[in-house]
Amino acid sequence: MAFSLFGILAVILEAIRPFLWLIAAVVVIELLVLFRLLGRRGHAWRKALRPALLLGGVVMVVAVFIGPWLTSAGFADLVGLLDWLSLIGGSIAAGLVAALLFWPLLTLVGGRRA
């Protein structure tokens, strides 16, 4: 079977199409929080990094279990090394994106440096 970049992107688009409105809402909220944080000085970015990474790790573990479900598959359909590497890579990417999205929010909630 020949794989192409456009074929892979088409499958990804079909998997996330029902969630596009949610993705757009999260991006808008994230940009508003970032603009608020960048306009002020003294926020403790380092203090919020560890909880953001922890939440990203939780999202990564959850993504391993719901990843096949999002594509209407099951763990029984993961038969090859490429299938498992794709699931693990996608889960790592989901965890990193979640950590990057949680970081400014946790910085805003955490307040200013002492």
N, C-alpha and C. Protein backbone atom coordinates (compact mmCIF):
# COMPACT_ATOMS: atom_id res chain seq x y z
N MET A 1 0.85 -1.17 0.00
CA MET A 1 0.00 0.00 0.00
C MET A 1 0.90 1.24 0.00
N ALA A 2 0.61 2.17 -0.86
CA ALA A 2 1.40 3.39 -0.96
C ALA A 2 0.76 4.48 -0.10
N PHE A 3 1.59 5.11 0.71
CA PHE A 3 1.12 6.20 1.56
C PHE A 3 1.52 7.52 0.91
N SER A 4 0.67 8.51 1.05
CA SER A 4 1.01 9.84 0.57
C SER A 4 0.70 10.84 1.67
N LEU A 5 1.35 11.96 1.64
CA LEU A 5 1.13 13.00 2.65
C LEU A 5 -0.30 13.48 2.61
N PHE A 6 -0.85 13.68 1.42
CA PHE A 6 -2.22 14.16 1.31
C PHE A 6 -3.24 13.12 1.80
N GLY A 7 -2.93 11.87 1.60
CA GLY A 7 -3.80 10.82 2.11
C GLY A 7 -3.83 10.80 3.63
N ILE A 8 -2.66 10.94 4.24
CA ILE A 8 -2.58 10.97 5.70
C ILE A 8 -3.30 12.20 6.24
N LEU A 9 -3.10 13.37 5.62
CA LEU A 9 -3.77 14.58 6.05
C LEU A 9 -5.29 14.48 5.89
N ALA A 10 -5.75 13.79 4.85
CA ALA A 10 -7.19 13.60 4.66
C ALA A 10 -7.79 12.75 5.78
N VAL A 11 -7.07 11.72 6.19
CA VAL A 11 -7.54 10.87 7.29
C VAL A 11 -7.57 11.67 8.59
N ILE A 12 -6.55 12.46 8.83
CA ILE A 12 -6.51 13.28 10.05
C ILE A 12 -7.64 14.30 10.05
N LEU A 13 -7.91 14.93 8.91
CA LEU A 13 -8.99 15.89 8.82
C LEU A 13 -10.33 15.24 9.10
N GLU A 14 -10.55 14.05 8.56
CA GLU A 14 -11.81 13.37 8.82
C GLU A 14 -11.94 12.97 10.28
N ALA A 15 -10.83 12.68 10.94
CA ALA A 15 -10.89 12.31 12.36
C ALA A 15 -11.20 13.51 13.25
N ILE A 16 -10.70 14.70 12.89
CA ILE A 16 -10.91 15.86 13.75
C ILE A 16 -12.04 16.76 13.29
N ARG A 17 -12.65 16.46 12.16
CA ARG A 17 -13.71 17.34 11.64
C ARG A 17 -14.83 17.59 12.65
N PRO A 18 -15.31 16.59 13.41
CA PRO A 18 -16.37 16.89 14.37
C PRO A 18 -15.92 17.81 15.51
N PHE A 19 -14.62 17.94 15.70
CA PHE A 19 -14.09 18.73 16.81
C PHE A 19 -13.51 20.07 16.38
N LEU A 20 -13.69 20.46 15.13
CA LEU A 20 -13.09 21.70 14.65
C LEU A 20 -13.61 22.93 15.38
N TRP A 21 -14.89 22.95 15.74
CA TRP A 21 -15.43 24.09 16.48
C TRP A 21 -14.78 24.19 17.86
N LEU A 22 -14.53 23.05 18.49
CA LEU A 22 -13.89 23.05 19.80
C LEU A 22 -12.43 23.50 19.69
N ILE A 23 -11.75 23.06 18.65
CA ILE A 23 -10.36 23.47 18.44
C ILE A 23 -10.28 24.97 18.20
N ALA A 24 -11.20 25.51 17.41
CA ALA A 24 -11.21 26.95 17.16
C ALA A 24 -11.48 27.73 18.45
N ALA A 25 -12.40 27.25 19.28
CA ALA A 25 -12.70 27.93 20.54
C ALA A 25 -11.49 27.92 21.48
N VAL A 26 -10.80 26.80 21.54
CA VAL A 26 -9.61 26.71 22.40
C VAL A 26 -8.51 27.64 21.91
N VAL A 27 -8.33 27.73 20.61
CA VAL A 27 -7.30 28.61 20.06
C VAL A 27 -7.62 30.07 20.37
N VAL A 28 -8.88 30.46 20.26
CA VAL A 28 -9.26 31.85 20.56
C VAL A 28 -9.04 32.16 22.04
N ILE A 29 -9.44 31.27 22.92
CA ILE A 29 -9.24 31.48 24.36
C ILE A 29 -7.76 31.54 24.69
N GLU A 30 -6.99 30.65 24.09
CA GLU A 30 -5.55 30.63 24.34
C GLU A 30 -4.89 31.93 23.89
N LEU A 31 -5.27 32.44 22.74
CA LEU A 31 -4.70 33.70 22.26
C LEU A 31 -5.07 34.86 23.16
N LEU A 32 -6.30 34.88 23.67
CA LEU A 32 -6.70 35.94 24.60
C LEU A 32 -5.88 35.89 25.88
N VAL A 33 -5.65 34.69 26.40
CA VAL A 33 -4.85 34.55 27.62
C VAL A 33 -3.40 34.97 27.35
N LEU A 34 -2.84 34.56 26.22
CA LEU A 34 -1.47 34.93 25.90
C LEU A 34 -1.31 36.44 25.75
N PHE A 35 -2.26 37.09 25.08
CA PHE A 35 -2.17 38.54 24.94
C PHE A 35 -2.26 39.23 26.29
N ARG A 36 -3.07 38.70 27.18
CA ARG A 36 -3.17 39.28 28.53
C ARG A 36 -1.86 39.10 29.29
N LEU A 37 -1.26 37.91 29.18
CA LEU A 37 -0.02 37.65 29.90
C LEU A 37 1.16 38.43 29.32
N LEU A 38 1.22 38.54 28.01
CA LEU A 38 2.35 39.23 27.39
C LEU A 38 2.28 40.73 27.61
N GLY A 39 1.11 41.24 27.92
CA GLY A 39 0.96 42.67 28.17
C GLY A 39 1.41 43.07 29.56
N ARG A 40 1.63 42.11 30.42
CA ARG A 40 2.04 42.40 31.80
C ARG A 40 3.35 41.70 32.10
N ARG A 41 4.03 42.19 33.09
CA ARG A 41 5.31 41.60 33.50
C ARG A 41 5.17 40.95 34.85
N GLY A 42 6.07 40.05 35.15
CA GLY A 42 6.15 39.49 36.50
C GLY A 42 5.39 38.19 36.72
N HIS A 43 4.89 37.57 35.69
CA HIS A 43 4.20 36.30 35.89
C HIS A 43 5.23 35.17 36.03
N ALA A 44 4.89 34.21 36.86
CA ALA A 44 5.80 33.11 37.17
C ALA A 44 5.61 31.97 36.17
N TRP A 45 6.26 32.07 35.01
CA TRP A 45 6.14 31.05 33.99
C TRP A 45 6.73 29.73 34.45
N ARG A 46 7.86 29.78 35.16
CA ARG A 46 8.52 28.53 35.59
C ARG A 46 7.70 27.78 36.63
N LYS A 47 6.99 28.52 37.47
CA LYS A 47 6.18 27.90 38.50
C LYS A 47 5.05 27.07 37.90
N ALA A 48 4.54 27.48 36.77
CA ALA A 48 3.42 26.78 36.13
C ALA A 48 3.87 25.68 35.18
N LEU A 49 5.17 25.57 34.93
CA LEU A 49 5.66 24.58 33.95
C LEU A 49 5.44 23.15 34.43
N ARG A 50 5.76 22.85 35.66
CA ARG A 50 5.63 21.48 36.16
C ARG A 50 4.18 20.98 36.15
N PRO A 51 3.20 21.76 36.65
CA PRO A 51 1.81 21.28 36.54
C PRO A 51 1.34 21.14 35.09
N ALA A 52 1.82 22.01 34.21
CA ALA A 52 1.43 21.91 32.80
C ALA A 52 1.97 20.63 32.19
N LEU A 53 3.21 20.27 32.51
CA LEU A 53 3.79 19.03 32.00
C LEU A 53 3.08 17.81 32.59
N LEU A 54 2.67 17.90 33.84
CA LEU A 54 1.92 16.80 34.46
C LEU A 54 0.58 16.60 33.76
N LEU A 55 -0.13 17.69 33.51
CA LEU A 55 -1.40 17.59 32.79
C LEU A 55 -1.18 17.09 31.36
N GLY A 56 -0.10 17.50 30.73
CA GLY A 56 0.23 16.99 29.40
C GLY A 56 0.48 15.50 29.42
N GLY A 57 1.12 15.00 30.47
CA GLY A 57 1.34 13.56 30.62
C GLY A 57 0.04 12.80 30.79
N VAL A 58 -0.89 13.38 31.54
CA VAL A 58 -2.20 12.74 31.70
C VAL A 58 -2.93 12.68 30.36
N VAL A 59 -2.88 13.77 29.60
CA VAL A 59 -3.52 13.80 28.28
C VAL A 59 -2.86 12.76 27.37
N MET A 60 -1.55 12.61 27.47
CA MET A 60 -0.85 11.64 26.63
C MET A 60 -1.34 10.22 26.93
N VAL A 61 -1.48 9.88 28.19
CA VAL A 61 -1.94 8.54 28.56
C VAL A 61 -3.38 8.32 28.10
N VAL A 62 -4.22 9.33 28.28
CA VAL A 62 -5.61 9.21 27.84
C VAL A 62 -5.67 9.06 26.32
N ALA A 63 -4.81 9.79 25.61
CA ALA A 63 -4.81 9.73 24.14
C ALA A 63 -4.41 8.35 23.64
N VAL A 64 -3.59 7.63 24.37
CA VAL A 64 -3.24 6.26 23.97
C VAL A 64 -4.49 5.39 23.96
N PHE A 65 -5.38 5.61 24.91
CA PHE A 65 -6.56 4.77 25.00
C PHE A 65 -7.70 5.22 24.09
N ILE A 66 -7.82 6.53 23.83
CA ILE A 66 -8.93 6.96 22.97
C ILE A 66 -8.50 7.17 21.53
N GLY A 67 -7.21 7.09 21.24
CA GLY A 67 -6.73 7.28 19.87
C GLY A 67 -7.36 6.35 18.86
N PRO A 68 -7.38 5.04 19.11
CA PRO A 68 -8.04 4.15 18.14
C PRO A 68 -9.54 4.43 18.01
N TRP A 69 -10.19 4.80 19.10
CA TRP A 69 -11.62 5.09 19.05
C TRP A 69 -11.91 6.29 18.15
N LEU A 70 -11.03 7.28 18.16
CA LEU A 70 -11.24 8.46 17.32
C LEU A 70 -11.23 8.13 15.83
N THR A 71 -10.54 7.09 15.46
CA THR A 71 -10.48 6.68 14.05
C THR A 71 -11.39 5.49 13.76
N SER A 72 -12.33 5.22 14.66
CA SER A 72 -13.27 4.09 14.52
C SER A 72 -12.55 2.76 14.40
N ALA A 73 -11.50 2.61 15.17
CA ALA A 73 -10.74 1.37 15.19
C ALA A 73 -10.70 0.85 16.63
N GLY A 74 -9.98 -0.21 16.82
CA GLY A 74 -9.79 -0.77 18.15
C GLY A 74 -8.36 -1.24 18.29
N PHE A 75 -8.01 -1.68 19.48
CA PHE A 75 -6.65 -2.16 19.68
C PHE A 75 -6.38 -3.42 18.88
N ALA A 76 -7.42 -4.16 18.55
CA ALA A 76 -7.23 -5.36 17.73
C ALA A 76 -6.80 -5.01 16.31
N ASP A 77 -7.10 -3.77 15.88
CA ASP A 77 -6.71 -3.33 14.54
C ASP A 77 -5.26 -2.87 14.46
N LEU A 78 -4.62 -2.71 15.60
CA LEU A 78 -3.21 -2.29 15.62
C LEU A 78 -2.34 -3.54 15.49
N VAL A 79 -2.03 -3.91 14.27
CA VAL A 79 -1.33 -5.17 14.06
C VAL A 79 0.14 -5.01 13.72
N GLY A 80 0.52 -3.85 13.24
CA GLY A 80 1.91 -3.67 12.82
C GLY A 80 2.64 -2.64 13.66
N LEU A 81 3.94 -2.61 13.45
CA LEU A 81 4.77 -1.66 14.17
C LEU A 81 4.41 -0.22 13.81
N LEU A 82 4.08 0.02 12.56
CA LEU A 82 3.70 1.36 12.12
C LEU A 82 2.44 1.83 12.82
N ASP A 83 1.49 0.93 13.03
CA ASP A 83 0.25 1.29 13.73
C ASP A 83 0.54 1.71 15.16
N TRP A 84 1.37 0.93 15.85
CA TRP A 84 1.69 1.25 17.24
C TRP A 84 2.53 2.52 17.35
N LEU A 85 3.48 2.69 16.45
CA LEU A 85 4.29 3.91 16.47
C LEU A 85 3.46 5.14 16.17
N SER A 86 2.49 5.02 15.28
CA SER A 86 1.60 6.13 14.99
C SER A 86 0.76 6.49 16.21
N LEU A 87 0.24 5.49 16.89
CA LEU A 87 -0.55 5.74 18.10
C LEU A 87 0.29 6.40 19.18
N ILE A 88 1.48 5.88 19.41
CA ILE A 88 2.36 6.44 20.44
C ILE A 88 2.82 7.84 20.06
N GLY A 89 3.18 8.05 18.80
CA GLY A 89 3.60 9.38 18.35
C GLY A 89 2.49 10.39 18.43
N GLY A 90 1.28 10.00 18.04
CA GLY A 90 0.14 10.90 18.14
C GLY A 90 -0.19 11.23 19.58
N SER A 91 -0.03 10.26 20.47
CA SER A 91 -0.30 10.49 21.89
C SER A 91 0.74 11.43 22.49
N ILE A 92 1.99 11.27 22.12
CA ILE A 92 3.04 12.18 22.59
C ILE A 92 2.76 13.60 22.10
N ALA A 93 2.36 13.71 20.83
CA ALA A 93 2.04 15.03 20.27
C ALA A 93 0.84 15.65 20.99
N ALA A 94 -0.17 14.85 21.30
CA ALA A 94 -1.33 15.37 22.02
C ALA A 94 -0.94 15.84 23.41
N GLY A 95 -0.05 15.10 24.07
CA GLY A 95 0.41 15.51 25.40
C GLY A 95 1.21 16.80 25.36
N LEU A 96 2.07 16.95 24.36
CA LEU A 96 2.84 18.19 24.24
C LEU A 96 1.96 19.39 23.92
N VAL A 97 0.99 19.19 23.03
CA VAL A 97 0.07 20.28 22.71
C VAL A 97 -0.74 20.66 23.95
N ALA A 98 -1.20 19.67 24.69
CA ALA A 98 -1.95 19.97 25.91
C ALA A 98 -1.10 20.72 26.92
N ALA A 99 0.15 20.31 27.08
CA ALA A 99 1.04 21.01 28.02
C ALA A 99 1.26 22.45 27.58
N LEU A 100 1.44 22.66 26.28
CA LEU A 100 1.63 24.02 25.78
C LEU A 100 0.36 24.86 25.92
N LEU A 101 -0.79 24.24 25.83
CA LEU A 101 -2.04 24.98 26.01
C LEU A 101 -2.33 25.26 27.49
N PHE A 102 -1.97 24.34 28.36
CA PHE A 102 -2.21 24.54 29.79
C PHE A 102 -1.23 25.51 30.43
N TRP A 103 -0.03 25.61 29.88
CA TRP A 103 1.01 26.42 30.50
C TRP A 103 0.60 27.89 30.70
N PRO A 104 0.14 28.60 29.67
CA PRO A 104 -0.28 30.00 29.92
C PRO A 104 -1.48 30.11 30.85
N LEU A 105 -2.41 29.16 30.76
CA LEU A 105 -3.58 29.20 31.64
C LEU A 105 -3.18 29.03 33.09
N LEU A 106 -2.28 28.09 33.34
CA LEU A 106 -1.81 27.88 34.71
C LEU A 106 -0.95 29.04 35.20
N THR A 107 -0.25 29.68 34.29
CA THR A 107 0.52 30.87 34.65
C THR A 107 -0.42 32.01 35.07
N LEU A 108 -1.50 32.16 34.35
CA LEU A 108 -2.47 33.20 34.67
C LEU A 108 -3.15 32.91 36.00
N VAL A 109 -3.49 31.64 36.24
CA VAL A 109 -4.13 31.26 37.49
C VAL A 109 -3.16 31.38 38.66
N GLY A 110 -1.88 31.05 38.41
CA GLY A 110 -0.89 31.09 39.47
C GLY A 110 -0.55 32.47 39.97
N GLY A 111 -0.82 33.47 39.18
CA GLY A 111 -0.57 34.84 39.62
C GLY A 111 0.85 35.27 39.39
N ARG A 112 1.26 36.25 40.14
CA ARG A 112 2.57 36.87 39.98
C ARG A 112 3.61 36.19 40.85
N ARG A 113 4.88 36.47 40.50
CA ARG A 113 6.00 35.96 41.30
C ARG A 113 6.00 36.61 42.66
N ALA A 114 6.51 35.87 43.61
CA ALA A 114 6.62 36.42 44.97
C ALA A 114 7.87 37.25 45.11
